[in-house]
Protein backbone atom coordinates (compact mmCIF):
# COMPACT_ATOMS: atom_id res chain seq x y z
CA MET A 1 3.70 -5.97 -7.76
CA LYS A 2 0.33 -6.52 -6.23
CA ASP A 3 1.40 -9.80 -4.70
CA LEU A 4 4.42 -8.29 -3.04
CA LEU A 5 2.42 -5.39 -1.59
CA ASN A 6 -0.18 -7.79 -0.31
CA TYR A 7 2.42 -9.98 1.41
CA ILE A 8 3.99 -6.97 3.16
CA VAL A 9 0.76 -5.35 4.25
CA THR A 10 -0.76 -8.67 5.41
CA SER A 11 2.26 -9.13 7.70
CA LEU A 12 1.69 -5.74 9.31
CA VAL A 13 -1.99 -5.28 9.88
CA SER A 14 -4.38 -6.98 12.30
CA ASN A 15 -7.54 -6.92 10.15
CA LYS A 16 -6.42 -8.77 7.02
CA ASP A 17 -9.92 -8.90 5.62
CA ALA A 18 -10.06 -5.14 5.16
CA ILE A 19 -7.10 -4.97 2.80
CA ALA A 20 -8.00 -3.82 -0.77
CA ILE A 21 -5.32 -3.36 -3.41
CA ASP A 22 -6.21 -1.90 -6.84
CA GLU A 23 -3.58 -2.20 -9.54
CA GLN A 24 -3.70 -0.12 -12.74
CA ALA A 25 -1.17 -0.40 -15.54
CA GLU A 26 -0.55 2.48 -17.87
CA GLY A 27 2.26 1.65 -20.22
CA THR A 28 5.34 1.10 -18.19
CA ASP A 29 3.71 2.80 -15.12
CA ILE A 30 1.96 0.77 -12.45
CA ILE A 31 -0.32 2.57 -10.00
CA LEU A 32 -1.20 0.69 -6.76
CA THR A 33 -3.90 1.94 -4.51
CA LEU A 34 -3.91 0.52 -1.01
CA THR A 35 -6.88 0.68 1.39
CA VAL A 36 -6.76 -0.72 4.89
CA ASP A 37 -8.92 -0.71 8.05
CA PRO A 38 -8.89 2.69 9.78
CA ALA A 39 -7.47 1.10 12.88
CA ASP A 40 -4.47 -0.16 10.86
CA MET A 41 -3.60 3.08 9.11
CA GLY A 42 -1.12 4.10 11.83
CA LEU A 43 0.70 0.74 11.43
CA ILE A 44 0.98 1.19 7.65
CA ILE A 45 2.18 4.81 7.86
CA GLY A 46 4.48 4.30 10.79
CA LYS A 47 6.21 6.87 12.91
CA ASN A 48 7.07 9.90 10.78
CA GLY A 49 5.98 7.88 7.69
CA GLN A 50 8.89 5.48 7.99
CA THR A 51 6.92 2.31 7.33
CA ILE A 52 5.12 3.54 4.14
CA ARG A 53 8.44 4.95 2.94
CA ALA A 54 10.08 1.55 3.43
CA ILE A 55 7.24 -0.25 1.56
CA ARG A 56 7.60 2.20 -1.33
CA LYS A 57 11.34 1.60 -1.38
CA LEU A 58 10.84 -2.21 -1.59
CA LEU A 59 8.36 -1.76 -4.38
CA THR A 60 10.77 0.56 -6.24
CA VAL A 61 13.51 -2.03 -6.03
CA ARG A 62 11.33 -4.64 -7.62
CA ALA A 63 10.05 -2.15 -10.23
CA ILE A 64 13.58 -1.43 -11.29
CA ALA A 65 14.29 -5.09 -11.73
CA GLU A 66 11.12 -5.36 -13.91
CA ASN A 67 11.95 -2.07 -15.81
CA VAL A 68 8.68 -0.36 -14.85
CA ARG A 69 7.73 2.68 -12.69
CA ILE A 70 5.67 2.22 -9.58
CA ASN A 71 3.43 4.61 -7.68
CA LEU A 72 1.85 3.60 -4.42
CA GLN A 73 -1.14 5.61 -3.06
CA LEU A 74 -2.64 5.06 0.39
CA ASN A 75 -6.34 5.64 0.46
CA GLU A 76 -7.91 7.02 3.54
CA PRO A 77 -10.67 4.58 4.33
CA ALA A 78 -14.27 5.79 4.47
CA THR A 79 -15.37 6.01 8.10
CA GLU A 80 -18.76 6.86 9.47
CA LYS A 81 -18.67 9.94 11.56
CA SER A 82 -21.08 10.20 14.43
CA ILE A 83 -21.86 13.46 16.21
């Protein structure tokens, strides 16, 4: 699952070095946590969340084929706030 998500996200973002994917398996459940560069968050989410919804749908199709459950979480990257 991690390789599919990495392929999809790498094709979308401009800063490929900032991609971090954490995969945790708990029985038949797989939890993927995706972190990208703050500038690329809008590209991953898409207009009205359409892009992230489509990514989740693709992962769900593969999860059904592998007889597992998938959960994709999108982490908000830590940014330094200057006042």
